[in-house]
Structures are given as C-alpha cells and as structure tokens.
Amino acid sequence: MKKHLLMLAIASSCFVATHASAMTEAEYKVAKEKIEADHKVAKAQCNTLKDNAEDVCEKEAEGKQKVAKAELEQQYKPSTSHARKVAEEKVKAAYEVAKEKCDDQSGAAKSACEKQAKADEAKGKADIKAMKM
C-alpha cells in the first residue's frame, strides 16, 4: 500500500511539474520568432558556401528549424502527438542531410551512402513506431 501511495504521489507531482512548466502564449510567440531569426542567420551563413556544401548547410538549417518548431509545440502544448512529431522531424532532418551529403560522392560509394541513409531513416521510423506514446 505504501508503495502504491508513493507511486501515486510521484505521478501527481510529475503531472503538476509538467503542467506548471507549460509556456505562456507570449513566451511561445517570442520563441517562435527566435526560431525564425536563427533560421535566417543559418541560411545567410550557408550563402557563403559553394556547391554541395551550401546544399548540405541549407538542409541542416531547414532540419534544425523544423525540429525546433516541433520541440516548441511540445513545450507549449505537451502531448504524445507532439512528442512523436519531434521524433519524426529529427529522423526526417537526419535523412535529408545524409542524402544531401551523398551527392559529394559518385558511383558505388554514392549508392552505398544513399542505402545507408535510407536504412538509418527506416530504423528511425521503426523506433518511432515502437515508442509507447
């Protein structure tokens, strides 16, 4: 019985802690603007690069922005669907960057690189599917 009450107390304190840490609408808007500003800065830095390095940089900037937006939504309105969206965006961003990096290679190396990127993406998607959310 003591163990049951202890678990109940811990669970309720966790619920209060997560509920209390939710963002206000003003904090949400400021954070969203910061994400947009950070994205613009990252894109500007990419413009200093050439060829595929610029493309990789842009994919990284896009991925970071999408992940940051998903994480912001999770912070603003915590839910299992938002947590899943964060995980999905991370997998998608990693795949897009890996695929773009493969463009620097040619022939069998490029093919192997693309297969590895696809395998990593499939593993990430399987891990998300296996999540108990």
Protein backbone atom coordinates (compact mmCIF):
# COMPACT_ATOMS: atom_id res chain seq x y z
CA MET A 1 0.00 0.00 0.00
CA LYS A 2 2.82 2.40 0.88
CA LYS A 3 4.45 1.67 -2.46
CA HIS A 4 1.19 2.40 -4.27
CA LEU A 5 0.75 5.72 -2.45
CA LEU A 6 4.36 6.66 -3.15
CA MET A 7 3.92 5.97 -6.87
CA LEU A 8 0.70 7.98 -6.89
CA ALA A 9 2.43 10.90 -5.18
CA ILE A 10 5.32 10.82 -7.64
CA ALA A 11 2.98 10.64 -10.62
CA SER A 12 0.87 13.54 -9.41
CA SER A 13 3.94 15.69 -8.70
CA CYS A 14 5.24 14.97 -12.20
CA PHE A 15 1.89 15.99 -13.65
CA VAL A 16 1.92 19.25 -11.67
CA ALA A 17 5.54 19.93 -12.66
CA THR A 18 4.86 19.45 -16.36
CA HIS A 19 1.68 21.43 -16.21
CA ALA A 20 3.37 24.28 -14.33
CA SER A 21 6.22 24.43 -16.84
CA ALA A 22 3.92 25.00 -19.82
CA MET A 23 4.70 28.14 -21.77
CA THR A 24 2.57 31.22 -21.89
CA GLU A 25 1.34 32.46 -25.26
CA ALA A 26 3.78 35.40 -25.12
CA GLU A 27 6.74 33.08 -24.43
CA TYR A 28 5.59 30.88 -27.29
CA LYS A 29 5.49 33.79 -29.73
CA VAL A 30 8.93 35.02 -28.67
CA ALA A 31 10.39 31.54 -29.02
CA LYS A 32 8.79 31.14 -32.45
CA GLU A 33 10.28 34.46 -33.60
CA LYS A 34 13.69 33.37 -32.30
CA ILE A 35 13.47 30.15 -34.31
CA GLU A 36 12.70 32.18 -37.45
CA ALA A 37 15.57 34.59 -36.75
CA ASP A 38 18.00 31.73 -36.11
CA HIS A 39 16.91 30.14 -39.37
CA LYS A 40 17.57 33.34 -41.32
CA VAL A 41 21.05 33.62 -39.80
CA ALA A 42 21.81 29.97 -40.63
CA LYS A 43 20.61 30.45 -44.23
CA ALA A 44 22.79 33.55 -44.56
CA GLN A 45 25.80 31.57 -43.38
CA CYS A 46 25.02 28.92 -45.99
CA ASN A 47 25.19 31.55 -48.72
CA THR A 48 28.91 31.95 -48.04
CA LEU A 49 29.50 28.31 -49.04
CA LYS A 50 29.73 26.83 -52.52
CA ASP A 51 28.37 23.82 -54.38
CA ASN A 52 27.15 20.85 -52.35
CA ALA A 53 28.47 22.28 -49.07
CA GLU A 54 25.88 25.05 -49.46
CA ASP A 55 23.15 22.49 -50.17
CA VAL A 56 24.12 20.44 -47.11
CA CYS A 57 24.16 23.59 -44.98
CA GLU A 58 20.69 24.56 -46.21
CA LYS A 59 19.30 21.09 -45.45
CA GLU A 60 20.80 21.31 -41.96
CA ALA A 61 19.28 24.77 -41.43
CA GLU A 62 15.87 23.57 -42.64
CA GLY A 63 16.06 20.49 -40.44
CA LYS A 64 17.06 22.46 -37.36
CA GLN A 65 14.19 24.87 -37.93
CA LYS A 66 11.61 22.10 -38.30
CA VAL A 67 12.92 20.24 -35.25
CA ALA A 68 12.96 23.46 -33.21
CA LYS A 69 9.37 24.23 -34.22
CA ALA A 70 8.25 20.72 -33.28
CA GLU A 71 10.06 20.97 -29.92
CA LEU A 72 8.45 24.35 -29.32
CA GLU A 73 5.00 22.89 -29.94
CA GLN A 74 5.82 20.09 -27.50
CA GLN A 75 6.88 22.64 -24.88
CA TYR A 76 3.84 24.84 -25.48
CA LYS A 77 1.24 22.08 -25.56
CA PRO A 78 2.83 18.84 -24.35
CA SER A 79 1.22 15.75 -25.85
CA THR A 80 2.17 12.37 -27.19
CA SER A 81 1.41 13.50 -30.73
CA HIS A 82 3.77 16.48 -30.39
CA ALA A 83 6.46 14.23 -28.89
CA ARG A 84 6.06 11.88 -31.85
CA LYS A 85 6.28 14.86 -34.25
CA VAL A 86 9.60 15.89 -32.65
CA ALA A 87 10.99 12.39 -33.18
CA GLU A 88 9.69 12.29 -36.76
CA GLU A 89 11.22 15.67 -37.62
CA LYS A 90 14.58 14.58 -36.20
CA VAL A 91 14.58 11.42 -38.33
CA LYS A 92 13.49 13.34 -41.42
CA ALA A 93 16.12 16.04 -40.93
CA ALA A 94 18.90 13.50 -40.42
CA TYR A 95 17.84 11.66 -43.57
CA GLU A 96 17.68 14.82 -45.69
CA VAL A 97 21.16 15.92 -44.56
CA ALA A 98 22.65 12.44 -45.05
CA LYS A 99 21.11 12.15 -48.50
CA GLU A 100 22.50 15.56 -49.49
CA LYS A 101 25.95 14.61 -48.22
CA CYS A 102 25.85 11.57 -50.52
CA ASP A 103 25.81 13.93 -53.52
CA ASP A 104 29.51 14.60 -52.93
CA GLN A 105 30.23 11.00 -53.87
CA SER A 106 29.82 9.10 -57.10
CA GLY A 107 29.30 5.57 -58.35
CA ALA A 108 29.21 2.72 -55.87
CA ALA A 109 30.19 4.96 -52.95
CA LYS A 110 27.21 7.23 -53.62
CA SER A 111 24.89 4.25 -53.92
CA ALA A 112 26.16 2.78 -50.65
CA CYS A 113 25.84 6.17 -48.96
CA GLU A 114 22.25 6.53 -50.11
CA LYS A 115 21.41 2.98 -48.98
CA GLN A 116 22.89 3.72 -45.56
CA ALA A 117 20.90 6.95 -45.29
CA LYS A 118 17.72 5.07 -46.24
CA ALA A 119 18.50 2.30 -43.72
CA ASP A 120 19.09 4.85 -40.96
CA GLU A 121 15.80 6.53 -41.83
CA ALA A 122 13.95 3.20 -41.75
CA LYS A 123 15.48 2.38 -38.37
CA GLY A 124 14.46 5.80 -37.03
CA LYS A 125 10.92 5.35 -38.29
CA ALA A 126 10.77 1.87 -36.76
CA ASP A 127 11.98 3.25 -33.43
CA ILE A 128 9.25 5.91 -33.55
CA LYS A 129 6.63 3.29 -34.34
CA ALA A 130 7.85 1.21 -31.40
CA MET A 131 7.54 4.15 -28.99
CA LYS A 132 4.89 3.71 -26.36
CA MET A 133 3.20 7.08 -26.66
